[in-house]
């Protein structure tokens, strides 16, 4: 529950991202203080406030942000917002986790900024607020005209570089040595479409099933099997909409026994 909203009442957004378009750019303008909603989605989310002020809410944590400040959202993380000063303008990057987990562009683990607890994620340094606001304005100007996948990547990496330059993954017990933890399991999910067992995922992370199960649930708020299933269902749904393959073929492609098995989850 966040601010009285039940998780089952949250909007669930589905962005059809793929290898050709791994990043979506959303330019939102909220005209009054009554605007706001709660949602969750599979993709990572990174947003910047250009004008006005808003409160971002997570499970057990709220943050107020103004121009040049940012927020992060993890995969399937319930989150919401309310407007504190209107009009409020924001630029939002919606990112395919598979893309961010496998790219080596910045030679560092960029997924960690989204996957640590909300209170531990990067914040905008005071001396960088102006630069980050200017970067968000460039995004606003370019993407108000047309979408360009290459520019979306460049702006995302530039923003992450600003935010990660002085930031380090917090060394605290709740992260359980995050850097060497669930990345192997996530890559296994993203690179293979088949059914993957928790035992296999734990082995990929070089830890016991018990330790892996607890760590994955702690970081992701979901069991490994549920998370992997949602990813496969999302992938199958996208392929059904965007290819001429039969339902049976798509089901088999994504590790389901047959079309009827897949339709139980659609």
Protein backbone atom coordinates (compact mmCIF):
# COMPACT_ATOMS: atom_id res chain seq x y z
CA UNK A 1 0.00 0.00 0.00
CA UNK A 2 1.26 3.53 -0.87
CA UNK A 3 -0.65 6.53 0.53
CA UNK A 4 -3.72 4.32 0.96
CA UNK A 5 -3.58 2.81 -2.54
CA UNK A 6 -3.72 -0.98 -2.73
CA UNK A 7 -1.16 -2.65 -5.00
CA UNK A 8 -3.97 -4.36 -6.94
CA UNK A 9 -5.37 -0.93 -7.83
CA UNK A 10 -2.14 0.27 -9.46
CA UNK A 11 -2.05 0.93 -13.18
CA UNK A 12 0.14 -1.55 -15.03
CA UNK A 13 1.85 -0.06 -18.04
CA UNK A 14 3.31 -2.15 -20.85
CA UNK A 15 5.88 -0.52 -23.11
CA UNK A 16 6.69 -2.36 -26.31
CA UNK A 17 10.46 -1.95 -26.26
CA UNK A 18 12.83 -4.14 -28.25
CA UNK A 19 16.37 -4.26 -29.64
CA UNK A 20 15.60 -1.49 -32.12
CA UNK A 21 13.93 0.71 -29.53
CA UNK A 22 15.26 -0.15 -26.06
CA UNK A 23 14.43 3.29 -24.62
CA UNK A 24 11.19 5.28 -24.68
CA UNK A 25 11.12 9.02 -23.94
CA UNK A 26 8.04 10.49 -22.27
CA UNK A 27 7.55 14.26 -22.02
CA UNK A 28 4.82 15.00 -19.50
CA UNK A 29 3.32 18.29 -18.37
CA UNK A 30 1.05 18.27 -15.32
CA UNK A 31 -1.13 21.35 -15.26
CA UNK A 32 -2.56 21.20 -11.75
CA UNK A 33 -1.95 19.74 -8.31
CA UNK A 34 -4.80 17.27 -8.61
CA UNK A 35 -2.86 15.18 -11.13
CA UNK A 36 -1.10 12.04 -9.96
CA UNK A 37 -1.37 8.27 -10.07
CA UNK A 38 0.25 5.03 -8.94
CA UNK A 39 1.60 2.45 -11.33
CA UNK A 40 4.11 -0.33 -11.92
CA UNK A 41 5.78 -1.80 -14.98
CA UNK A 42 8.51 -4.17 -16.04
CA UNK A 43 10.85 -1.50 -17.44
CA UNK A 44 13.33 0.66 -15.54
CA UNK A 45 12.32 4.33 -15.19
CA UNK A 46 14.52 7.40 -14.78
CA UNK A 47 12.94 10.83 -14.72
CA UNK A 48 14.04 14.46 -14.44
CA UNK A 49 11.98 17.44 -13.30
CA UNK A 50 12.32 20.49 -15.55
CA UNK A 51 9.76 22.75 -13.94
CA UNK A 52 7.59 22.72 -10.82
CA UNK A 53 7.86 20.24 -7.97
CA UNK A 54 6.54 16.73 -7.25
CA UNK A 55 6.60 14.05 -4.59
CA UNK A 56 7.58 10.52 -5.64
CA UNK A 57 6.29 7.71 -3.43
CA UNK A 58 7.54 4.14 -2.97
CA UNK A 59 6.79 1.45 -0.42
CA UNK A 60 7.87 3.08 2.84
CA UNK A 61 9.70 6.00 1.24
CA UNK A 62 8.80 9.44 -0.18
CA UNK A 63 10.99 12.03 -1.86
CA UNK A 64 10.28 15.61 -2.97
CA UNK A 65 12.09 16.74 -6.12
CA UNK A 66 12.33 19.98 -8.10
CA UNK A 67 14.04 21.25 -11.26
CA UNK A 68 17.22 19.34 -12.13
CA UNK A 69 16.47 16.53 -9.68
CA UNK A 70 15.80 12.90 -10.61
CA UNK A 71 13.96 9.76 -9.59
CA UNK A 72 14.53 6.05 -10.32
CA UNK A 73 12.11 3.11 -10.45
CA UNK A 74 13.04 -0.57 -10.45
CA UNK A 75 11.37 -3.41 -12.39
CA UNK A 76 7.78 -4.04 -11.23
CA UNK A 77 8.28 -1.58 -8.37
CA UNK A 78 5.03 0.04 -7.18
CA UNK A 79 5.45 3.81 -7.31
CA UNK A 80 3.41 6.96 -7.59
CA UNK A 81 3.55 10.72 -7.60
CA UNK A 82 1.66 13.83 -6.65
CA UNK A 83 2.20 17.38 -7.86
CA UNK A 84 3.37 19.90 -5.28
CA UNK A 85 3.91 22.87 -7.61
CA UNK A 86 2.15 23.21 -10.97
CA UNK A 87 2.65 23.34 -13.84
CA UNK A 88 5.16 20.54 -13.50
CA UNK A 89 7.18 19.37 -16.51
CA UNK A 90 9.20 16.15 -16.56
CA UNK A 91 11.29 14.15 -19.01
CA UNK A 92 11.15 10.39 -18.42
CA UNK A 93 13.39 7.61 -19.74
CA UNK A 94 11.67 4.20 -19.84
CA UNK A 95 14.39 1.58 -20.35
CA UNK A 96 14.40 -2.09 -21.29
CA UNK A 97 16.31 -3.75 -18.39
CA UNK A 98 17.78 -6.29 -20.77
CA UNK A 99 19.46 -3.50 -22.73
CA UNK A 100 20.92 -1.84 -19.64
CA UNK A 101 22.06 -5.14 -18.13
CA UNK A 102 23.98 -6.21 -21.22
CA UNK A 103 25.45 -2.95 -22.56
CA UNK A 104 29.07 -2.18 -21.72
CA UNK A 105 28.94 1.44 -22.83
CA UNK A 106 30.04 2.94 -19.52
CA UNK A 107 32.04 -0.11 -18.41
CA UNK A 108 30.07 -0.33 -15.16
CA UNK A 109 26.92 -1.89 -13.76
CA UNK A 110 24.27 0.73 -14.50
CA UNK A 111 21.38 -1.45 -13.30
CA UNK A 112 22.50 -1.01 -9.69
CA UNK A 113 21.21 2.59 -9.64
CA UNK A 114 17.67 1.25 -10.13
CA UNK A 115 17.88 -1.90 -8.02
CA UNK A 116 19.19 -0.65 -4.69
CA UNK A 117 16.48 0.55 -2.23
CA UNK A 118 14.91 3.91 -3.20
CA UNK A 119 16.63 5.86 -0.43
CA UNK A 120 20.07 4.68 -1.64
CA UNK A 121 19.71 5.62 -5.31
CA UNK A 122 21.72 8.50 -6.81
CA UNK A 123 20.58 12.04 -6.11
CA UNK A 124 21.49 15.16 -8.06
CA UNK A 125 24.49 16.94 -6.56
CA UNK A 126 23.76 20.62 -5.89
CA UNK A 127 26.46 21.74 -8.33
CA UNK A 128 24.98 19.53 -11.10
CA UNK A 129 21.33 20.57 -10.94
CA UNK A 130 21.81 23.20 -13.64
CA UNK A 131 23.60 20.80 -16.01
CA UNK A 132 21.04 18.04 -15.53
CA UNK A 133 18.17 20.47 -16.04
CA UNK A 134 19.82 21.70 -19.26
CA UNK A 135 20.26 18.10 -20.41
CA UNK A 136 16.57 17.44 -19.77
CA UNK A 137 15.69 20.56 -21.78
CA UNK A 138 17.70 19.18 -24.73
CA UNK A 139 15.72 15.95 -24.44
CA UNK A 140 12.48 17.92 -24.36
CA UNK A 141 13.39 19.99 -27.41
CA UNK A 142 14.59 17.07 -29.54
CA UNK A 143 11.90 14.54 -28.66
CA UNK A 144 8.99 16.95 -28.90
CA UNK A 145 9.64 16.81 -32.67
CA UNK A 146 10.44 13.16 -33.37
CA UNK A 147 11.87 10.03 -31.80
CA UNK A 148 15.49 9.03 -32.41
CA UNK A 149 16.78 5.82 -30.80
CA UNK A 150 20.44 6.84 -30.97
CA UNK A 151 19.89 10.20 -29.29
CA UNK A 152 17.80 8.49 -26.61
CA UNK A 153 20.81 6.28 -25.77
CA UNK A 154 23.25 9.20 -25.79
CA UNK A 155 21.11 11.31 -23.46
CA UNK A 156 20.47 8.36 -21.12
CA UNK A 157 24.17 7.52 -20.80
CA UNK A 158 25.08 11.18 -20.32
CA UNK A 159 22.53 11.49 -17.53
CA UNK A 160 23.68 8.27 -15.85
CA UNK A 161 27.30 9.37 -16.11
CA UNK A 162 26.49 12.61 -14.28
CA UNK A 163 24.61 10.73 -11.57
CA UNK A 164 27.07 7.85 -11.13
CA UNK A 165 30.30 9.84 -11.23
CA UNK A 166 30.52 10.19 -7.45
CA UNK A 167 27.96 7.52 -6.48
CA UNK A 168 28.82 4.05 -5.22
CA UNK A 169 26.59 1.09 -4.43
CA UNK A 170 25.95 1.42 -0.67
CA UNK A 171 27.74 -1.14 1.43
CA UNK A 172 24.99 -2.27 3.73
CA UNK A 173 23.64 -5.59 4.84
CA UNK A 174 20.39 -5.28 2.87
CA UNK A 175 22.29 -5.36 -0.41
CA UNK A 176 24.10 -8.63 0.41
CA UNK A 177 27.04 -7.96 -1.87
CA UNK A 178 24.79 -6.80 -4.69
CA UNK A 179 27.46 -6.53 -7.38
CA UNK A 180 28.06 -10.25 -7.46
CA UNK A 181 24.51 -11.28 -6.67
CA UNK A 182 21.60 -11.53 -9.08
CA UNK A 183 23.18 -10.21 -12.28
CA UNK A 184 23.88 -13.75 -13.49
CA UNK A 185 20.23 -14.69 -13.03
CA UNK A 186 18.98 -11.57 -14.81
CA UNK A 187 21.27 -12.20 -17.77
CA UNK A 188 20.02 -15.78 -17.90
CA UNK A 189 16.42 -14.54 -18.09
CA UNK A 190 17.17 -11.87 -20.67
CA UNK A 191 19.35 -13.98 -22.96
CA UNK A 192 17.24 -17.16 -23.01
CA UNK A 193 13.49 -17.44 -23.57
CA UNK A 194 13.03 -20.85 -22.00
CA UNK A 195 11.79 -21.85 -18.56
CA UNK A 196 14.63 -21.36 -16.04
CA UNK A 197 14.48 -22.98 -12.63
CA UNK A 198 15.41 -21.22 -9.41
CA UNK A 199 18.15 -23.81 -8.90
CA UNK A 200 19.66 -22.97 -12.29
CA UNK A 201 19.48 -19.24 -11.58
CA UNK A 202 21.14 -19.71 -8.17
CA UNK A 203 23.93 -21.68 -9.83
CA UNK A 204 24.48 -18.85 -12.31
CA UNK A 205 24.95 -16.52 -9.34
CA UNK A 206 27.30 -18.94 -7.52
CA UNK A 207 25.16 -19.23 -4.41
CA UNK A 208 22.82 -21.65 -2.69
CA UNK A 209 19.14 -21.77 -3.63
CA UNK A 210 18.20 -20.56 -0.15
CA UNK A 211 20.52 -17.54 -0.26
CA UNK A 212 19.59 -16.69 -3.84
CA UNK A 213 15.84 -16.96 -3.17
CA UNK A 214 16.04 -14.59 -0.21
CA UNK A 215 18.29 -12.11 -1.99
CA UNK A 216 16.21 -11.99 -5.17
CA UNK A 217 13.02 -11.38 -3.19
CA UNK A 218 14.77 -8.71 -1.12
CA UNK A 219 16.03 -6.81 -4.17
CA UNK A 220 13.15 -7.33 -6.58
CA UNK A 221 10.11 -7.63 -4.31
CA UNK A 222 9.16 -10.79 -6.22
CA UNK A 223 10.17 -14.42 -6.31
CA UNK A 224 12.53 -15.42 -9.10
CA UNK A 225 9.97 -17.75 -10.68
CA UNK A 226 7.27 -15.04 -10.74
CA UNK A 227 9.64 -12.45 -12.18
CA UNK A 228 10.93 -14.81 -14.88
CA UNK A 229 7.36 -15.82 -15.78
CA UNK A 230 6.24 -12.20 -16.16
CA UNK A 231 9.20 -11.53 -18.44
CA UNK A 232 8.37 -14.53 -20.65
CA UNK A 233 4.69 -13.57 -20.82
CA UNK A 234 5.61 -10.00 -21.76
CA UNK A 235 7.96 -11.23 -24.48
CA UNK A 236 5.42 -13.68 -25.88
CA UNK A 237 2.68 -11.02 -25.89
CA UNK A 238 4.92 -8.63 -27.80
CA UNK A 239 5.84 -11.29 -30.35
CA UNK A 240 2.18 -12.21 -30.89
CA UNK A 241 1.36 -8.57 -31.68
CA UNK A 242 4.36 -7.89 -33.86
CA UNK A 243 4.97 -11.01 -35.92
CA UNK A 244 3.10 -13.43 -38.16
CA UNK A 245 4.09 -16.45 -36.09
CA UNK A 246 1.34 -18.77 -34.91
CA UNK A 247 0.29 -18.81 -31.27
CA UNK A 248 1.72 -22.29 -30.92
CA UNK A 249 5.12 -21.23 -32.27
CA UNK A 250 5.28 -18.17 -30.02
CA UNK A 251 4.33 -20.26 -26.99
CA UNK A 252 7.12 -22.74 -27.70
CA UNK A 253 9.58 -19.89 -28.38
CA UNK A 254 9.03 -18.57 -24.86
CA UNK A 255 9.19 -21.84 -22.98
CA UNK A 256 5.48 -22.65 -22.69
CA UNK A 257 4.30 -26.18 -23.41
CA UNK A 258 1.65 -25.04 -25.91
CA UNK A 259 -0.63 -22.12 -26.82
CA UNK A 260 -3.23 -22.97 -24.17
CA UNK A 261 -0.52 -22.93 -21.51
CA UNK A 262 0.55 -19.44 -22.61
CA UNK A 263 -3.04 -18.14 -22.68
CA UNK A 264 -3.45 -18.96 -18.99
CA UNK A 265 -1.16 -15.99 -18.28
CA UNK A 266 -2.18 -13.50 -20.98
